[in-house]
Every structure is written in C-alpha cells, then in structure tokens.
Amino acid sequence: MSALKKSDKKAALDFAAWSFNVTTSVGLIMVNKALMATYGFSFATTLTGLHFVTTTLMTIVFRWLGLSQPSHLPLADLVKFVIFSNLSIVGMNVSLMWNSVGFYQIAKLCMIPASCLLEVVFDHVHYSRDTKLSIMVVLIGVAVCTVTDVSVNTRGLIAAVIAVWSTALQQYYVHFLQRKYSLNSFNLLGHTAPAQAGSLLLVGPFADYLLTGKRVDHFSFSSLALFFLALSCFIAIGVNLSQFICIGRFSAVSFQVLGHMKTVLVLSLGFLFFGKEGLNLQVVLGMVLAVLGMIWYGNASAKPGGKERRSVLPLRSASLKGSSEEKGGAEK
C-alpha cells in the first residue's frame, strides 16, 4: 500500500511539474511574440539576458529562504553549460523572431530525434524497431511542414537548426550535471543563471545590432511595451525553473515527448492571436503526423526493450550510483 501511495505521489508531482512547464512555456512564447511582433522589441539576446537577471534574483531569494543549499559545480562544466544554454535560448528567440509561430514549433519537434541521438552516442541507449520507426514518422512530418510552409526563409532555417541542436545539448547536459554532481534544480540554477545573465547582457546589445540593425538603447518604450517586457521576465523565471525540474525528473528525451502538447497549444494560440502566419492545410497535416509520431514514440519506448540504457553515468559515490541506476531503470 505504501509503495502504491509513493507511486501515486510521484505521478502527481510529475504531472504538476509538467503542467507548470507547459503553462509557463506557452505563456512566454505568446508574450515574447507580442513583444517582438506587436511592440517592436526585437532584441532577443538582450531580452534573454534580462530573463536571467530576474532568474538570478529568484535564486538569491531561494538561498535566503534556505531552499537552496551550498553546492559545487566545476568551472569547466559551468562554461560548457553556459555556451549550450545561451545558444539554445538566443537561437530560440531569434527563430521565433524570424519564423512564423507554426514553423518555429514544428522545427522544435526535431529536438526529439536530436536528443535520442545524443543518448545513443553518449549513454549507449538502444532503441527498438518501433521506436526508430516512430522517430522516422516525426522526421517525415517535420519535412512536410518545412517544404510547405512558405514563410520559411534561409536565415530563419539556420536559426532553427542552431536552436534545435544547442537545445538538445543543453537539456542533455542539465540531466548530466544533476546526476554527476547531485544538484537539484535550485542549486543548478544558482550556478548557471548569474553566468548566463552576465554573458548575455555583455554581448546582447552587439549581437542584437548585428541581427536587427537597431540599437537597444535607442528603443522607445511605451507603457504597454514595458508591461510585456516585465511580464516576459517574470514568466521566464517559471520556464527556467520548471525546465530544470522536469529534466531532472524525466530525462531530456522524455521531457521532449511530454512536451508535444505545447506544440498544439502554441499553434492554436498563434493562429488565434497572430493570424495564419503561413499556417495552411499542408502544415497542419505535417504537424499532426509529427505529433502522432511523437505519441507513438512515447508508447514504443515505454515497452520492454523499447529503450534500454546500456551504461550508467559514473557518479561520485556508490549511493548516488544506485540512485541513478534506479532512475535509468524507470525510464526503460
């Protein structure tokens, strides 16, 4: 009975973490699209830096409240993570700015096969035939959307490719660092958020000028633009925190599989608030095919032999190793 209650509690916490991530992620995409498209604040890199400033303030408050304990993260690992994460978020913001909401979300579907490839290469994970076929269905759906979405452009496609691979690397590295150094979400954010805030605010104005030809210090803020900027920074706190929580509980690939509902929500809200933006019947059919492939992947990988981890990341202690093996077994 206690084991059943423990399982129910874990399921409830997993659902709460996933719901928190879905709500904040969809909200941030909509707010950022309004801020950039409607009010003209197209400085994606600077905006990301401001997101991490507010996230850093949150980690300071958490530390003051005793929710975050002292921990250690080597400088080399911190630098690698900051590079992956900065490329990920800046790439996503630039992709959102240069692409339609529909193509932006469809491109993100590629993160599932990208994350799977990282697991095969670094963790020696083996996938069954059904699991591989489901990934192929995802890729076919993405290809259909890419060909038929007339709003795709060269620079937007390049930004999407960079965003997909850097995001896959960043999410894999979150799980890697949490397992290797036994870091919880608060501790990892406490290490990474200040470094990301400083680096992005340092290069942000220059990068934004190269991307847009505009200077952030010359932007004329209206009261509504300031409101959406503040709202974007506030919601970004929840996105950053929920992402670390979810990846710590689910692994990067499972996190991507559970995130397919965000695609449907964002496409629907994008159509409602911003018009069609290249959304036509072919794009919708491709999106449906890709999402069905993702659902198939979730079912296939959950079956015995569907996804088997053949190596476990070496940890610093035997107790941590046992915990990691238990988690790896739950993901099969």
Protein backbone atom coordinates (compact mmCIF):
# COMPACT_ATOMS: atom_id res chain seq x y z
CA MET A 1 0.00 0.00 0.00
CA SER A 2 2.83 2.41 0.87
CA ALA A 3 4.52 1.63 -2.45
CA LEU A 4 1.28 2.43 -4.26
CA LYS A 5 0.92 5.72 -2.41
CA LYS A 6 4.52 6.56 -3.22
CA SER A 7 3.87 5.83 -6.90
CA ASP A 8 0.73 7.97 -6.86
CA LYS A 9 2.61 10.81 -5.20
CA LYS A 10 5.37 10.64 -7.83
CA ALA A 11 2.80 10.64 -10.63
CA ALA A 12 1.08 13.68 -9.11
CA LEU A 13 4.38 15.54 -8.75
CA ASP A 14 5.39 14.61 -12.31
CA PHE A 15 2.09 15.93 -13.65
CA ALA A 16 2.41 19.13 -11.61
CA ALA A 17 5.97 19.73 -12.87
CA TRP A 18 4.94 19.09 -16.48
CA SER A 19 1.85 21.31 -16.19
CA PHE A 20 3.97 24.10 -14.69
CA ASN A 21 6.39 23.85 -17.61
CA VAL A 22 3.63 23.76 -20.25
CA THR A 23 1.83 26.77 -18.79
CA THR A 24 4.92 28.95 -18.43
CA SER A 25 6.44 27.92 -21.79
CA VAL A 26 3.29 28.61 -23.79
CA GLY A 27 2.76 31.87 -21.92
CA LEU A 28 6.33 33.02 -22.58
CA ILE A 29 6.10 32.24 -26.30
CA MET A 30 2.90 34.23 -26.64
CA VAL A 31 4.19 37.19 -24.61
CA ASN A 32 7.51 37.27 -26.49
CA LYS A 33 5.75 37.11 -29.84
CA ALA A 34 3.56 40.06 -28.83
CA LEU A 35 6.59 41.97 -27.51
CA MET A 36 8.57 41.41 -30.72
CA ALA A 37 5.89 41.45 -33.42
CA THR A 38 3.41 43.94 -31.98
CA TYR A 39 5.59 46.35 -29.99
CA GLY A 40 8.80 46.03 -31.99
CA PHE A 41 11.18 44.95 -29.21
CA SER A 42 13.25 42.67 -31.45
CA PHE A 43 16.33 42.50 -29.21
CA ALA A 44 16.20 38.76 -28.49
CA THR A 45 19.65 38.39 -26.90
CA THR A 46 19.20 41.32 -24.55
CA LEU A 47 15.76 40.03 -23.62
CA THR A 48 17.26 36.65 -22.73
CA GLY A 49 19.86 38.38 -20.54
CA LEU A 50 17.09 40.21 -18.69
CA HIS A 51 15.31 36.88 -18.21
CA PHE A 52 18.35 35.51 -16.40
CA VAL A 53 18.76 38.66 -14.33
CA THR A 54 15.31 38.06 -12.83
CA THR A 55 16.05 34.34 -12.51
CA THR A 56 19.28 35.19 -10.64
CA LEU A 57 17.29 37.36 -8.25
CA MET A 58 14.98 34.41 -7.68
CA THR A 59 17.91 32.12 -6.80
CA ILE A 60 19.18 34.73 -4.32
CA VAL A 61 15.77 34.80 -2.65
CA PHE A 62 15.67 30.99 -2.56
CA ARG A 63 19.11 30.90 -0.95
CA TRP A 64 17.99 33.49 1.60
CA LEU A 65 14.91 31.37 2.39
CA GLY A 66 17.03 28.25 2.78
CA LEU A 67 15.54 26.47 -0.25
CA SER A 68 18.93 26.23 -1.98
CA GLN A 69 21.90 24.68 -0.20
CA PRO A 70 25.61 25.30 -0.95
CA SER A 71 26.91 23.10 -3.77
CA HIS A 72 29.84 22.79 -6.17
CA LEU A 73 29.98 22.92 -9.96
CA PRO A 74 33.42 22.94 -11.68
CA LEU A 75 34.16 25.98 -13.81
CA ALA A 76 34.78 23.90 -16.95
CA ASP A 77 31.33 22.30 -16.72
CA LEU A 78 29.72 25.66 -15.99
CA VAL A 79 31.33 27.21 -19.09
CA LYS A 80 30.16 24.33 -21.31
CA PHE A 81 26.63 24.58 -19.97
CA VAL A 82 26.50 28.37 -20.43
CA ILE A 83 27.62 28.03 -24.06
CA PHE A 84 24.97 25.41 -24.84
CA SER A 85 22.24 27.23 -22.94
CA ASN A 86 22.98 30.67 -24.35
CA LEU A 87 23.00 29.34 -27.91
CA SER A 88 19.76 27.50 -27.16
CA ILE A 89 17.75 30.40 -25.79
CA VAL A 90 19.14 33.02 -28.14
CA GLY A 91 18.60 30.64 -31.05
CA MET A 92 15.01 30.03 -29.97
CA ASN A 93 14.32 33.76 -29.60
CA VAL A 94 15.86 34.55 -32.98
CA SER A 95 13.97 31.66 -34.58
CA LEU A 96 10.75 32.98 -33.07
CA MET A 97 11.54 36.44 -34.41
CA TRP A 98 12.47 35.31 -37.94
CA ASN A 99 9.92 32.49 -38.38
CA SER A 100 6.18 32.05 -38.07
CA VAL A 101 4.84 30.55 -34.83
CA GLY A 102 3.93 27.42 -36.79
CA PHE A 103 7.37 26.76 -38.28
CA TYR A 104 9.04 27.74 -35.01
CA GLN A 105 7.15 24.98 -33.20
CA ILE A 106 7.49 22.41 -35.98
CA ALA A 107 11.27 22.90 -36.02
CA LYS A 108 11.32 22.24 -32.28
CA LEU A 109 9.94 18.76 -32.94
CA CYS A 110 13.39 17.87 -34.29
CA MET A 111 14.73 18.04 -30.75
CA ILE A 112 13.35 14.56 -30.05
CA PRO A 113 15.47 12.72 -32.65
CA ALA A 114 18.39 15.02 -31.76
CA SER A 115 18.07 14.14 -28.08
CA CYS A 116 17.78 10.45 -28.97
CA LEU A 117 20.99 10.63 -30.97
CA LEU A 118 22.80 12.21 -28.02
CA GLU A 119 21.61 9.39 -25.77
CA VAL A 120 22.80 6.78 -28.28
CA VAL A 121 26.22 8.39 -28.63
CA PHE A 122 26.94 9.32 -25.01
CA ASP A 123 24.82 6.89 -22.93
CA HIS A 124 24.77 3.93 -25.38
CA VAL A 125 20.99 3.74 -25.28
CA HIS A 126 19.44 1.10 -27.56
CA TYR A 127 16.08 1.74 -29.29
CA SER A 128 13.71 -0.91 -30.67
CA ARG A 129 12.49 -1.03 -34.27
CA ASP A 130 9.14 0.55 -33.36
CA THR A 131 10.89 3.34 -31.52
CA LYS A 132 13.10 4.07 -34.53
CA LEU A 133 10.11 3.98 -36.89
CA SER A 134 8.23 6.44 -34.68
CA ILE A 135 11.18 8.83 -34.91
CA MET A 136 11.07 8.49 -38.71
CA VAL A 137 7.40 9.49 -38.65
CA VAL A 138 8.34 12.60 -36.68
CA LEU A 139 11.01 13.50 -39.23
CA ILE A 140 8.60 12.97 -42.15
CA GLY A 141 6.06 15.27 -40.50
CA VAL A 142 8.72 17.92 -39.96
CA ALA A 143 9.85 17.59 -43.59
CA VAL A 144 6.29 18.08 -44.86
CA CYS A 145 5.91 21.24 -42.79
CA THR A 146 9.30 22.58 -43.85
CA VAL A 147 8.55 22.18 -47.55
CA THR A 148 5.01 23.51 -47.45
CA ASP A 149 5.42 26.42 -45.04
CA VAL A 150 6.00 29.30 -47.46
CA SER A 151 7.09 31.59 -44.64
CA VAL A 152 10.37 29.65 -44.23
CA ASN A 153 13.45 31.67 -45.11
CA THR A 154 17.16 30.88 -45.17
CA ARG A 155 18.18 32.82 -42.08
CA GLY A 156 15.15 31.55 -40.16
CA LEU A 157 16.02 27.95 -41.10
CA ILE A 158 19.65 28.42 -39.97
CA ALA A 159 18.48 29.89 -36.66
CA ALA A 160 16.11 26.96 -36.16
CA VAL A 161 18.88 24.39 -36.79
CA ILE A 162 21.20 26.09 -34.30
CA ALA A 163 18.37 26.35 -31.78
CA VAL A 164 17.43 22.67 -32.08
CA TRP A 165 20.91 21.22 -31.61
CA SER A 166 22.01 23.61 -28.89
CA THR A 167 18.76 22.99 -27.00
CA ALA A 168 19.20 19.22 -27.25
CA LEU A 169 22.76 19.55 -25.92
CA GLN A 170 21.67 21.89 -23.14
CA GLN A 171 18.88 19.62 -21.97
CA TYR A 172 21.11 16.56 -22.05
CA TYR A 173 23.72 18.46 -20.06
CA VAL A 174 21.17 19.52 -17.41
CA HIS A 175 20.42 15.88 -16.68
CA PHE A 176 24.14 15.01 -16.87
CA LEU A 177 25.15 17.65 -14.32
CA GLN A 178 22.28 16.88 -11.96
CA ARG A 179 23.24 13.21 -11.89
CA LYS A 180 27.00 13.68 -11.79
CA TYR A 181 27.13 16.32 -9.03
CA SER A 182 23.83 15.52 -7.26
CA LEU A 183 22.48 19.02 -7.91
CA ASN A 184 18.81 19.89 -7.53
CA SER A 185 17.06 22.43 -9.74
CA PHE A 186 17.58 25.35 -7.35
CA ASN A 187 21.29 24.66 -6.95
CA LEU A 188 21.94 24.27 -10.67
CA LEU A 189 20.09 27.49 -11.45
CA GLY A 190 22.08 29.22 -8.71
CA HIS A 191 25.30 28.32 -10.50
CA THR A 192 24.22 28.94 -14.09
CA ALA A 193 21.78 31.89 -14.03
CA PRO A 194 24.29 34.59 -12.93
CA ALA A 195 26.84 33.46 -15.53
CA GLN A 196 24.22 33.46 -18.27
CA ALA A 197 22.84 36.85 -17.22
CA GLY A 198 26.28 38.47 -17.26
CA SER A 199 27.42 36.93 -20.54
CA LEU A 200 24.17 37.66 -22.39
CA LEU A 201 23.91 41.25 -21.22
CA LEU A 202 27.55 41.78 -22.21
CA VAL A 203 27.18 40.56 -25.79
CA GLY A 204 23.44 41.14 -26.16
CA PRO A 205 23.39 44.73 -27.45
CA PHE A 206 26.13 43.98 -30.01
CA ALA A 207 24.54 40.73 -31.17
CA ASP A 208 21.12 42.37 -31.45
CA TYR A 209 22.57 45.21 -33.50
CA LEU A 210 24.15 42.70 -35.91
CA LEU A 211 20.88 40.78 -36.18
CA THR A 212 18.45 43.67 -36.49
CA GLY A 213 20.47 46.77 -37.38
CA LYS A 214 18.87 48.51 -34.39
CA ARG A 215 20.27 49.65 -31.07
CA VAL A 216 18.52 48.62 -27.89
CA ASP A 217 19.39 51.91 -26.17
CA HIS A 218 17.51 53.76 -28.91
CA PHE A 219 14.30 51.80 -28.44
CA SER A 220 11.35 53.96 -27.44
CA PHE A 221 9.38 52.13 -24.74
CA SER A 222 5.65 52.57 -24.49
CA SER A 223 3.82 51.68 -21.30
CA LEU A 224 2.46 48.50 -22.91
CA ALA A 225 5.90 47.50 -24.19
CA LEU A 226 7.31 47.89 -20.66
CA PHE A 227 4.44 45.86 -19.29
CA PHE A 228 5.05 42.98 -21.72
CA LEU A 229 8.81 43.17 -21.08
CA ALA A 230 8.28 42.86 -17.33
CA LEU A 231 5.74 40.08 -17.86
CA SER A 232 8.18 38.21 -20.11
CA CYS A 233 10.91 38.40 -17.46
CA PHE A 234 8.52 37.21 -14.75
CA ILE A 235 7.26 34.23 -16.76
CA ALA A 236 10.83 33.32 -17.76
CA ILE A 237 11.59 32.57 -14.10
CA GLY A 238 8.98 29.82 -14.17
CA VAL A 239 10.21 28.50 -17.52
CA ASN A 240 13.83 28.24 -16.35
CA LEU A 241 12.90 26.62 -13.05
CA SER A 242 10.33 24.21 -14.49
CA GLN A 243 12.71 23.09 -17.24
CA PHE A 244 15.36 22.04 -14.72
CA ILE A 245 12.74 20.34 -12.54
CA CYS A 246 11.25 18.40 -15.46
CA ILE A 247 14.55 17.27 -16.96
CA GLY A 248 15.69 16.16 -13.52
CA ARG A 249 12.54 14.01 -13.19
CA PHE A 250 12.03 12.78 -16.76
CA SER A 251 15.35 12.93 -18.70
CA ALA A 252 15.78 15.13 -21.77
CA VAL A 253 14.10 12.80 -24.27
CA SER A 254 11.10 12.07 -22.05
CA PHE A 255 10.78 15.80 -21.40
CA GLN A 256 10.58 16.39 -25.15
CA VAL A 257 7.99 13.63 -25.61
CA LEU A 258 5.79 15.05 -22.86
CA GLY A 259 6.14 18.48 -24.41
CA HIS A 260 4.27 17.65 -27.62
CA MET A 261 1.10 19.17 -26.15
CA LYS A 262 2.85 22.56 -26.16
CA THR A 263 3.07 22.37 -29.96
CA VAL A 264 -0.69 22.05 -30.30
CA LEU A 265 -1.34 24.81 -27.76
CA VAL A 266 1.13 27.26 -29.29
CA LEU A 267 -0.07 26.65 -32.86
CA SER A 268 -3.66 27.17 -31.76
CA LEU A 269 -2.90 30.29 -29.75
CA GLY A 270 -0.65 31.61 -32.51
CA PHE A 271 -3.50 31.25 -35.01
CA LEU A 272 -5.90 32.93 -32.55
CA PHE A 273 -3.73 35.94 -31.67
CA PHE A 274 -1.42 36.44 -34.65
CA GLY A 275 -3.32 35.14 -37.68
CA LYS A 276 -2.39 32.30 -40.02
CA GLU A 277 1.31 33.22 -40.42
CA GLY A 278 1.93 30.53 -43.03
CA LEU A 279 -0.36 28.01 -41.34
CA ASN A 280 -2.10 26.09 -44.16
CA LEU A 281 -3.59 22.62 -44.63
CA GLN A 282 -0.25 21.02 -45.54
CA VAL A 283 1.43 22.47 -42.47
CA VAL A 284 -1.41 21.27 -40.24
CA LEU A 285 -1.24 17.76 -41.73
CA GLY A 286 2.51 17.66 -41.26
CA MET A 287 2.17 18.85 -37.69
CA VAL A 288 -0.45 16.17 -36.95
CA LEU A 289 1.78 13.49 -38.47
CA ALA A 290 4.75 14.65 -36.41
CA VAL A 291 2.74 14.73 -33.19
CA LEU A 292 1.32 11.25 -33.88
CA GLY A 293 4.88 10.05 -34.38
CA MET A 294 5.85 11.55 -31.04
CA ILE A 295 2.94 9.81 -29.30
CA TRP A 296 3.94 6.54 -30.98
CA TYR A 297 7.50 7.10 -29.76
CA GLY A 298 6.26 7.55 -26.21
CA ASN A 299 4.35 4.27 -26.31
CA ALA A 300 7.07 2.30 -28.11
CA SER A 301 9.89 3.48 -25.84
CA ALA A 302 7.86 2.58 -22.74
CA LYS A 303 7.56 -1.09 -23.77
CA PRO A 304 10.17 -3.66 -22.63
CA GLY A 305 13.17 -3.34 -24.93
CA GLY A 306 11.83 -0.15 -26.48
CA LYS A 307 14.54 1.94 -24.88
CA GLU A 308 17.35 0.34 -22.92
CA ARG A 309 20.20 2.20 -21.27
CA ARG A 310 23.27 0.00 -21.56
CA SER A 311 25.59 2.18 -19.50
CA VAL A 312 25.15 4.32 -16.42
CA LEU A 313 26.92 7.62 -15.86
CA PRO A 314 29.69 7.14 -13.24
CA LEU A 315 28.87 9.10 -10.12
CA ARG A 316 30.94 10.25 -7.21
CA SER A 317 29.62 7.72 -4.71
CA ALA A 318 28.10 4.27 -4.62
CA SER A 319 24.84 5.58 -3.18
CA LEU A 320 24.46 8.08 -5.98
CA LYS A 321 25.23 5.34 -8.50
CA GLY A 322 22.46 3.19 -7.13
CA SER A 323 20.00 6.06 -7.32
CA SER A 324 20.97 6.75 -10.93
CA GLU A 325 20.56 3.10 -11.91
CA GLU A 326 17.12 3.08 -10.32
CA LYS A 327 16.13 6.15 -12.30
CA GLY A 328 17.57 4.68 -15.52
CA GLY A 329 15.53 1.53 -14.98
CA ALA A 330 12.35 3.54 -14.56
CA GLU A 331 12.94 5.19 -17.94
CA LYS A 332 13.15 1.97 -19.93
